[in-house]
Amino acid sequence: MSDLKDEKILMAKKTVRGVVTEALPSTLFRVDIDDKTADNLEGKKEILAYLSGKMRMHRIKVLIGDSVEIVLDPYGGKGRIVKRL
């Protein structure tokens, strides 16, 4: 049972890089994922991502065209933007 829990924790820490293509309301962004890291996303090349709490707290701005680092949701729905590159 603990092996399954450890595997889920490792999946939650998976980070990918992408480029912001669209800014949506409520600090949501549509992000185009790099092709070399998109193999684990089951063919998805564009995901919905939201800003992490630290980025909101320090008022780090993310604009269209910015390169960002995203921590993927283990269920594959969304991602959390943790760093602007």
PDB file of N, CA and C in Angstrom:
ATOM      1  N   MET A   1       0.816  -1.193   0.000  1.00  0.00           N
ATOM      2  CA  MET A   1       0.000   0.000   0.000  1.00  0.00           C
ATOM      3  C   MET A   1       0.862   1.260   0.000  1.00  0.00           C
ATOM      4  N   SER A   2       1.962   1.236   0.733  1.00  0.00           N
ATOM      5  CA  SER A   2       2.812   2.417   0.793  1.00  0.00           C
ATOM      6  C   SER A   2       3.507   2.675  -0.543  1.00  0.00           C
ATOM      7  N   ASP A   3       3.756   1.600  -1.322  1.00  0.00           N
ATOM      8  CA  ASP A   3       4.369   1.788  -2.637  1.00  0.00           C
ATOM      9  C   ASP A   3       3.467   2.606  -3.541  1.00  0.00           C
ATOM     10  N   LEU A   4       2.164   2.353  -3.477  1.00  0.00           N
ATOM     11  CA  LEU A   4       1.213   3.098  -4.282  1.00  0.00           C
ATOM     12  C   LEU A   4       1.177   4.563  -3.852  1.00  0.00           C
ATOM     13  N   LYS A   5       1.227   4.808  -2.546  1.00  0.00           N
ATOM     14  CA  LYS A   5       1.231   6.177  -2.038  1.00  0.00           C
ATOM     15  C   LYS A   5       2.494   6.914  -2.469  1.00  0.00           C
ATOM     16  N   ASP A   6       3.641   6.250  -2.392  1.00  0.00           N
ATOM     17  CA  ASP A   6       4.904   6.863  -2.821  1.00  0.00           C
ATOM     18  C   ASP A   6       4.882   7.170  -4.311  1.00  0.00           C
ATOM     19  N   GLU A   7       4.272   6.289  -5.096  1.00  0.00           N
ATOM     20  CA  GLU A   7       4.186   6.518  -6.537  1.00  0.00           C
ATOM     21  C   GLU A   7       3.327   7.736  -6.846  1.00  0.00           C
ATOM     22  N   LYS A   8       2.226   7.916  -6.113  1.00  0.00           N
ATOM     23  CA  LYS A   8       1.365   9.083  -6.328  1.00  0.00           C
ATOM     24  C   LYS A   8       2.083  10.374  -5.956  1.00  0.00           C
ATOM     25  N   ILE A   9       2.883  10.338  -4.900  1.00  0.00           N
ATOM     26  CA  ILE A   9       3.635  11.523  -4.498  1.00  0.00           C
ATOM     27  C   ILE A   9       4.652  11.882  -5.577  1.00  0.00           C
ATOM     28  N   LEU A  10       5.314  10.883  -6.144  1.00  0.00           N
ATOM     29  CA  LEU A  10       6.278  11.150  -7.208  1.00  0.00           C
ATOM     30  C   LEU A  10       5.589  11.695  -8.442  1.00  0.00           C
ATOM     31  N   MET A  11       4.396  11.189  -8.748  1.00  0.00           N
ATOM     32  CA  MET A  11       3.657  11.697  -9.898  1.00  0.00           C
ATOM     33  C   MET A  11       3.255  13.148  -9.681  1.00  0.00           C
ATOM     34  N   ALA A  12       2.927  13.520  -8.469  1.00  0.00           N
ATOM     35  CA  ALA A  12       2.509  14.886  -8.179  1.00  0.00           C
ATOM     36  C   ALA A  12       3.672  15.867  -8.333  1.00  0.00           C
ATOM     37  N   LYS A  13       4.891  15.400  -8.189  1.00  0.00           N
ATOM     38  CA  LYS A  13       6.056  16.273  -8.279  1.00  0.00           C
ATOM     39  C   LYS A  13       6.598  16.396  -9.695  1.00  0.00           C
ATOM     40  N   LYS A  14       5.956  15.790 -10.682  1.00  0.00           N
ATOM     41  CA  LYS A  14       6.419  15.846 -12.069  1.00  0.00           C
ATOM     42  C   LYS A  14       6.278  17.258 -12.613  1.00  0.00           C
ATOM     43  N   THR A  15       7.377  17.825 -13.076  1.00  0.00           N
ATOM     44  CA  THR A  15       7.345  19.181 -13.622  1.00  0.00           C
ATOM     45  C   THR A  15       7.647  19.143 -15.109  1.00  0.00           C
ATOM     46  N   VAL A  16       6.991  20.022 -15.824  1.00  0.00           N
ATOM     47  CA  VAL A  16       7.208  20.187 -17.263  1.00  0.00           C
ATOM     48  C   VAL A  16       7.349  21.673 -17.553  1.00  0.00           C
ATOM     49  N   ARG A  17       7.855  21.982 -18.724  1.00  0.00           N
ATOM     50  CA  ARG A  17       7.997  23.375 -19.141  1.00  0.00           C
ATOM     51  C   ARG A  17       7.081  23.653 -20.308  1.00  0.00           C
ATOM     52  N   GLY A  18       6.616  24.879 -20.366  1.00  0.00           N
ATOM     53  CA  GLY A  18       5.737  25.262 -21.449  1.00  0.00           C
ATOM     54  C   GLY A  18       5.715  26.764 -21.645  1.00  0.00           C
ATOM     55  N   VAL A  19       4.898  27.201 -22.602  1.00  0.00           N
ATOM     56  CA  VAL A  19       4.771  28.617 -22.941  1.00  0.00           C
ATOM     57  C   VAL A  19       3.307  29.008 -22.802  1.00  0.00           C
ATOM     58  N   VAL A  20       3.067  30.124 -22.126  1.00  0.00           N
ATOM     59  CA  VAL A  20       1.699  30.612 -21.920  1.00  0.00           C
ATOM     60  C   VAL A  20       1.161  31.126 -23.257  1.00  0.00           C
ATOM     61  N   THR A  21      -0.019  30.612 -23.639  1.00  0.00           N
ATOM     62  CA  THR A  21      -0.619  31.026 -24.909  1.00  0.00           C
ATOM     63  C   THR A  21      -1.849  31.902 -24.720  1.00  0.00           C
ATOM     64  N   GLU A  22      -2.504  31.790 -23.561  1.00  0.00           N
ATOM     65  CA  GLU A  22      -3.720  32.572 -23.337  1.00  0.00           C
ATOM     66  C   GLU A  22      -3.889  32.822 -21.849  1.00  0.00           C
ATOM     67  N   ALA A  23      -4.288  34.040 -21.499  1.00  0.00           N
ATOM     68  CA  ALA A  23      -4.574  34.396 -20.108  1.00  0.00           C
ATOM     69  C   ALA A  23      -6.092  34.413 -19.929  1.00  0.00           C
ATOM     70  N   LEU A  24      -6.570  33.680 -18.938  1.00  0.00           N
ATOM     71  CA  LEU A  24      -7.993  33.565 -18.653  1.00  0.00           C
ATOM     72  C   LEU A  24      -8.299  34.224 -17.314  1.00  0.00           C
ATOM     73  N   PRO A  25      -9.571  34.455 -16.987  1.00  0.00           N
ATOM     74  CA  PRO A  25      -9.904  35.054 -15.687  1.00  0.00           C
ATOM     75  C   PRO A  25      -9.498  34.151 -14.514  1.00  0.00           C
ATOM     76  N   SER A  26      -9.406  34.755 -13.330  1.00  0.00           N
ATOM     77  CA  SER A  26      -9.082  34.055 -12.075  1.00  0.00           C
ATOM     78  C   SER A  26      -7.700  33.413 -12.096  1.00  0.00           C
ATOM     79  N   THR A  27      -6.737  34.081 -12.668  1.00  0.00           N
ATOM     80  CA  THR A  27      -5.341  33.629 -12.766  1.00  0.00           C
ATOM     81  C   THR A  27      -5.217  32.228 -13.360  1.00  0.00           C
ATOM     82  N   LEU A  28      -6.045  31.905 -14.325  1.00  0.00           N
ATOM     83  CA  LEU A  28      -5.908  30.670 -15.093  1.00  0.00           C
ATOM     84  C   LEU A  28      -5.206  30.991 -16.402  1.00  0.00           C
ATOM     85  N   PHE A  29      -4.418  30.047 -16.871  1.00  0.00           N
ATOM     86  CA  PHE A  29      -3.669  30.235 -18.106  1.00  0.00           C
ATOM     87  C   PHE A  29      -3.749  28.965 -18.940  1.00  0.00           C
ATOM     88  N   ARG A  30      -3.776  29.142 -20.255  1.00  0.00           N
ATOM     89  CA  ARG A  30      -3.663  28.014 -21.166  1.00  0.00           C
ATOM     90  C   ARG A  30      -2.196  27.954 -21.571  1.00  0.00           C
ATOM     91  N   VAL A  31      -1.576  26.789 -21.342  1.00  0.00           N
ATOM     92  CA  VAL A  31      -0.135  26.643 -21.531  1.00  0.00           C
ATOM     93  C   VAL A  31       0.129  25.558 -22.564  1.00  0.00           C
ATOM     94  N   ASP A  32       0.972  25.873 -23.538  1.00  0.00           N
ATOM     95  CA  ASP A  32       1.388  24.928 -24.560  1.00  0.00           C
ATOM     96  C   ASP A  32       2.637  24.222 -24.039  1.00  0.00           C
ATOM     97  N   ILE A  33       2.555  22.893 -23.908  1.00  0.00           N
ATOM     98  CA  ILE A  33       3.645  22.098 -23.337  1.00  0.00           C
ATOM     99  C   ILE A  33       4.666  21.765 -24.419  1.00  0.00           C
ATOM    100  N   ASP A  34       5.955  21.739 -24.037  1.00  0.00           N
ATOM    101  CA  ASP A  34       7.021  21.353 -24.960  1.00  0.00           C
ATOM    102  C   ASP A  34       6.809  19.912 -25.421  1.00  0.00           C
ATOM    103  N   ASP A  35       7.168  19.628 -26.667  1.00  0.00           N
ATOM    104  CA  ASP A  35       6.956  18.296 -27.232  1.00  0.00           C
ATOM    105  C   ASP A  35       7.762  17.218 -26.519  1.00  0.00           C
ATOM    106  N   LYS A  36       8.979  17.533 -26.088  1.00  0.00           N
ATOM    107  CA  LYS A  36       9.822  16.512 -25.462  1.00  0.00           C
ATOM    108  C   LYS A  36       9.312  16.093 -24.087  1.00  0.00           C
ATOM    109  N   THR A  37       8.502  16.939 -23.425  1.00  0.00           N
ATOM    110  CA  THR A  37       7.957  16.574 -22.118  1.00  0.00           C
ATOM    111  C   THR A  37       6.484  16.187 -22.195  1.00  0.00           C
ATOM    112  N   ALA A  38       5.894  16.211 -23.383  1.00  0.00           N
ATOM    113  CA  ALA A  38       4.462  15.947 -23.525  1.00  0.00           C
ATOM    114  C   ALA A  38       4.139  14.467 -23.648  1.00  0.00           C
ATOM    115  N   ASP A  39       5.148  13.589 -23.666  1.00  0.00           N
ATOM    116  CA  ASP A  39       4.867  12.170 -23.855  1.00  0.00           C
ATOM    117  C   ASP A  39       4.096  11.561 -22.688  1.00  0.00           C
ATOM    118  N   ASN A  40       4.239  12.097 -21.476  1.00  0.00           N
ATOM    119  CA  ASN A  40       3.505  11.555 -20.334  1.00  0.00           C
ATOM    120  C   ASN A  40       2.132  12.184 -20.174  1.00  0.00           C
ATOM    121  N   LEU A  41       1.741  13.096 -21.045  1.00  0.00           N
ATOM    122  CA  LEU A  41       0.438  13.752 -20.956  1.00  0.00           C
ATOM    123  C   LEU A  41      -0.582  13.129 -21.900  1.00  0.00           C
ATOM    124  N   GLU A  42      -0.308  11.926 -22.402  1.00  0.00           N
ATOM    125  CA  GLU A  42      -1.225  11.179 -23.262  1.00  0.00           C
ATOM    126  C   GLU A  42      -1.630  11.979 -24.495  1.00  0.00           C
ATOM    127  N   GLY A  43      -0.668  12.610 -25.130  1.00  0.00           N
ATOM    128  CA  GLY A  43      -0.934  13.328 -26.364  1.00  0.00           C
ATOM    129  C   GLY A  43      -1.402  14.758 -26.189  1.00  0.00           C
ATOM    130  N   LYS A  44      -1.663  15.201 -24.969  1.00  0.00           N
ATOM    131  CA  LYS A  44      -2.075  16.587 -24.757  1.00  0.00           C
ATOM    132  C   LYS A  44      -0.870  17.496 -24.953  1.00  0.00           C
ATOM    133  N   LYS A  45      -1.078  18.566 -25.670  1.00  0.00           N
ATOM    134  CA  LYS A  45       0.003  19.528 -25.833  1.00  0.00           C
ATOM    135  C   LYS A  45      -0.375  20.870 -25.236  1.00  0.00           C
ATOM    136  N   GLU A  46      -1.601  20.990 -24.762  1.00  0.00           N
ATOM    137  CA  GLU A  46      -2.051  22.240 -24.171  1.00  0.00           C
ATOM    138  C   GLU A  46      -2.876  21.911 -22.927  1.00  0.00           C
ATOM    139  N   ILE A  47      -2.511  22.510 -21.791  1.00  0.00           N
ATOM    140  CA  ILE A  47      -3.242  22.247 -20.557  1.00  0.00           C
ATOM    141  C   ILE A  47      -3.664  23.560 -19.922  1.00  0.00           C
ATOM    142  N   LEU A  48      -4.560  23.458 -18.969  1.00  0.00           N
ATOM    143  CA  LEU A  48      -5.010  24.594 -18.184  1.00  0.00           C
ATOM    144  C   LEU A  48      -4.183  24.632 -16.909  1.00  0.00           C
ATOM    145  N   ALA A  49      -3.651  25.797 -16.562  1.00  0.00           N
ATOM    146  CA  ALA A  49      -2.795  25.914 -15.386  1.00  0.00           C
ATOM    147  C   ALA A  49      -3.200  27.138 -14.577  1.00  0.00           C
ATOM    148  N   TYR A  50      -2.961  27.064 -13.270  1.00  0.00           N
ATOM    149  CA  TYR A  50      -3.257  28.180 -12.381  1.00  0.00           C
ATOM    150  C   TYR A  50      -1.984  28.569 -11.639  1.00  0.00           C
ATOM    151  N   LEU A  51      -1.967  29.781 -11.104  1.00  0.00           N
ATOM    152  CA  LEU A  51      -0.787  30.274 -10.387  1.00  0.00           C
ATOM    153  C   LEU A  51      -0.695  29.636  -9.015  1.00  0.00           C
ATOM    154  N   SER A  52       0.521  29.358  -8.583  1.00  0.00           N
ATOM    155  CA  SER A  52       0.722  28.842  -7.237  1.00  0.00           C
ATOM    156  C   SER A  52       0.542  29.966  -6.216  1.00  0.00           C
ATOM    157  N   GLY A  53       0.352  29.605  -4.983  1.00  0.00           N
ATOM    158  CA  GLY A  53       0.123  30.579  -3.923  1.00  0.00           C
ATOM    159  C   GLY A  53       1.289  31.522  -3.706  1.00  0.00           C
ATOM    160  N   LYS A  54       2.517  30.999  -3.816  1.00  0.00           N
ATOM    161  CA  LYS A  54       3.698  31.849  -3.627  1.00  0.00           C
ATOM    162  C   LYS A  54       3.794  32.908  -4.720  1.00  0.00           C
ATOM    163  N   MET A  55       3.419  32.539  -5.947  1.00  0.00           N
ATOM    164  CA  MET A  55       3.479  33.509  -7.037  1.00  0.00           C
ATOM    165  C   MET A  55       2.411  34.583  -6.859  1.00  0.00           C
ATOM    166  N   ARG A  56       1.271  34.207  -6.331  1.00  0.00           N
ATOM    167  CA  ARG A  56       0.227  35.199  -6.037  1.00  0.00           C
ATOM    168  C   ARG A  56       0.672  36.108  -4.895  1.00  0.00           C
ATOM    169  N   MET A  57       1.245  35.503  -3.855  1.00  0.00           N
ATOM    170  CA  MET A  57       1.647  36.252  -2.672  1.00  0.00           C
ATOM    171  C   MET A  57       2.720  37.294  -3.006  1.00  0.00           C
ATOM    172  N   HIS A  58       3.673  36.928  -3.854  1.00  0.00           N
ATOM    173  CA  HIS A  58       4.751  37.843  -4.217  1.00  0.00           C
ATOM    174  C   HIS A  58       4.441  38.657  -5.464  1.00  0.00           C
ATOM    175  N   ARG A  59       3.205  38.533  -5.957  1.00  0.00           N
ATOM    176  CA  ARG A  59       2.698  39.300  -7.104  1.00  0.00           C
ATOM    177  C   ARG A  59       3.595  39.184  -8.337  1.00  0.00           C
ATOM    178  N   ILE A  60       3.984  37.964  -8.659  1.00  0.00           N
ATOM    179  CA  ILE A  60       4.777  37.711  -9.853  1.00  0.00           C
ATOM    180  C   ILE A  60       3.831  37.658 -11.040  1.00  0.00           C
ATOM    181  N   LYS A  61       4.080  38.486 -12.027  1.00  0.00           N
ATOM    182  CA  LYS A  61       3.215  38.594 -13.194  1.00  0.00           C
ATOM    183  C   LYS A  61       3.598  37.545 -14.232  1.00  0.00           C
ATOM    184  N   VAL A  62       2.586  36.939 -14.836  1.00  0.00           N
ATOM    185  CA  VAL A  62       2.786  35.996 -15.928  1.00  0.00           C
ATOM    186  C   VAL A  62       2.021  36.534 -17.128  1.00  0.00           C
ATOM    187  N   LEU A  63       2.716  36.697 -18.244  1.00  0.00           N
ATOM    188  CA  LEU A  63       2.129  37.257 -19.443  1.00  0.00           C
ATOM    189  C   LEU A  63       2.133  36.233 -20.574  1.00  0.00           C
ATOM    190  N   ILE A  64       1.368  36.521 -21.604  1.00  0.00           N
ATOM    191  CA  ILE A  64       1.338  35.653 -22.777  1.00  0.00           C
ATOM    192  C   ILE A  64       2.726  35.639 -23.403  1.00  0.00           C
ATOM    193  N   GLY A  65       3.210  34.452 -23.707  1.00  0.00           N
ATOM    194  CA  GLY A  65       4.546  34.300 -24.291  1.00  0.00           C
ATOM    195  C   GLY A  65       5.618  33.959 -23.278  1.00  0.00           C
ATOM    196  N   ASP A  66       5.312  34.036 -21.989  1.00  0.00           N
ATOM    197  CA  ASP A  66       6.288  33.694 -20.958  1.00  0.00           C
ATOM    198  C   ASP A  66       6.513  32.188 -20.917  1.00  0.00           C
ATOM    199  N   SER A  67       7.739  31.798 -20.666  1.00  0.00           N
ATOM    200  CA  SER A  67       8.083  30.402 -20.460  1.00  0.00           C
ATOM    201  C   SER A  67       7.913  30.097 -18.975  1.00  0.00           C
ATOM    202  N   VAL A  68       7.205  29.023 -18.641  1.00  0.00           N
ATOM    203  CA  VAL A  68       6.899  28.704 -17.251  1.00  0.00           C
ATOM    204  C   VAL A  68       7.193  27.239 -16.956  1.00  0.00           C
ATOM    205  N   GLU A  69       7.368  26.951 -15.671  1.00  0.00           N
ATOM    206  CA  GLU A  69       7.531  25.584 -15.193  1.00  0.00           C
ATOM    207  C   GLU A  69       6.260  25.202 -14.448  1.00  0.00           C
ATOM    208  N   ILE A  70       5.718  24.014 -14.740  1.00  0.00           N
ATOM    209  CA  ILE A  70       4.423  23.593 -14.218  1.00  0.00           C
ATOM    210  C   ILE A  70       4.564  22.269 -13.483  1.00  0.00           C
ATOM    211  N   VAL A  71       3.937  22.173 -12.310  1.00  0.00           N
ATOM    212  CA  VAL A  71       3.819  20.906 -11.598  1.00  0.00           C
ATOM    213  C   VAL A  71       2.482  20.305 -12.017  1.00  0.00           C
ATOM    214  N   LEU A  72       2.526  19.094 -12.558  1.00  0.00           N
ATOM    215  CA  LEU A  72       1.317  18.460 -13.085  1.00  0.00           C
ATOM    216  C   LEU A  72       0.468  17.858 -11.973  1.00  0.00           C
ATOM    217  N   ASP A  73      -0.826  17.924 -12.174  1.00  0.00           N
ATOM    218  CA  ASP A  73      -1.793  17.272 -11.305  1.00  0.00           C
ATOM    219  C   ASP A  73      -1.702  15.767 -11.567  1.00  0.00           C
ATOM    220  N   PRO A  74      -1.699  14.925 -10.528  1.00  0.00           N
ATOM    221  CA  PRO A  74      -1.565  13.477 -10.778  1.00  0.00           C
ATOM    222  C   PRO A  74      -2.732  12.894 -11.565  1.00  0.00           C
ATOM    223  N   TYR A  75      -3.852  13.587 -11.621  1.00  0.00           N
ATOM    224  CA  TYR A  75      -5.006  13.084 -12.353  1.00  0.00           C
ATOM    225  C   TYR A  75      -5.053  13.602 -13.779  1.00  0.00           C
ATOM    226  N   GLY A  76      -4.170  14.507 -14.152  1.00  0.00           N
ATOM    227  CA  GLY A  76      -4.059  14.951 -15.521  1.00  0.00           C
ATOM    228  C   GLY A  76      -4.972  16.079 -15.934  1.00  0.00           C
ATOM    229  N   GLY A  77      -5.680  16.687 -15.012  1.00  0.00           N
ATOM    230  CA  GLY A  77      -6.618  17.735 -15.385  1.00  0.00           C
ATOM    231  C   GLY A  77      -5.991  19.095 -15.552  1.00  0.00           C
ATOM    232  N   LYS A  78      -5.247  19.538 -14.566  1.00  0.00           N
ATOM    233  CA  LYS A  78      -4.668  20.874 -14.580  1.00  0.00           C
ATOM    234  C   LYS A  78      -3.221  20.814 -14.120  1.00  0.00           C
ATOM    235  N   GLY A  79      -2.602  21.977 -14.129  1.00  0.00           N
ATOM    236  CA  GLY A  79      -1.249  22.097 -13.619  1.00  0.00           C
ATOM    237  C   GLY A  79      -1.127  23.369 -12.802  1.00  0.00           C
ATOM    238  N   ARG A  80      -0.083  23.446 -11.978  1.00  0.00           N
ATOM    239  CA  ARG A  80       0.159  24.617 -11.141  1.00  0.00           C
ATOM    240  C   ARG A  80       1.452  25.272 -11.593  1.00  0.00           C
ATOM    241  N   ILE A  81       1.375  26.534 -11.964  1.00  0.00           N
ATOM    242  CA  ILE A  81       2.559  27.271 -12.399  1.00  0.00           C
ATOM    243  C   ILE A  81       3.362  27.647 -11.163  1.00  0.00           C
ATOM    244  N   VAL A  82       4.596  27.140 -11.087  1.00  0.00           N
ATOM    245  CA  VAL A  82       5.417  27.383  -9.906  1.00  0.00           C
ATOM    246  C   VAL A  82       6.604  28.300 -10.188  1.00  0.00           C
ATOM    247  N   LYS A  83       6.949  28.492 -11.461  1.00  0.00           N
ATOM    248  CA  LYS A  83       8.117  29.322 -11.760  1.00  0.00           C
ATOM    249  C   LYS A  83       7.969  29.938 -13.140  1.00  0.00           C
ATOM    250  N   ARG A  84       8.363  31.196 -13.233  1.00  0.00           N
ATOM    251  CA  ARG A  84       8.435  31.867 -14.538  1.00  0.00           C
ATOM    252  C   ARG A  84       9.894  31.867 -14.948  1.00  0.00           C
ATOM    253  N   LEU A  85      10.174  31.343 -16.125  1.00  0.00           N
ATOM    254  CA  LEU A  85      11.566  31.214 -16.572  1.00  0.00           C
ATOM    255  C   LEU A  85      11.987  32.366 -17.460  1.00  0.00           C
TER     256      LEU A  85
END
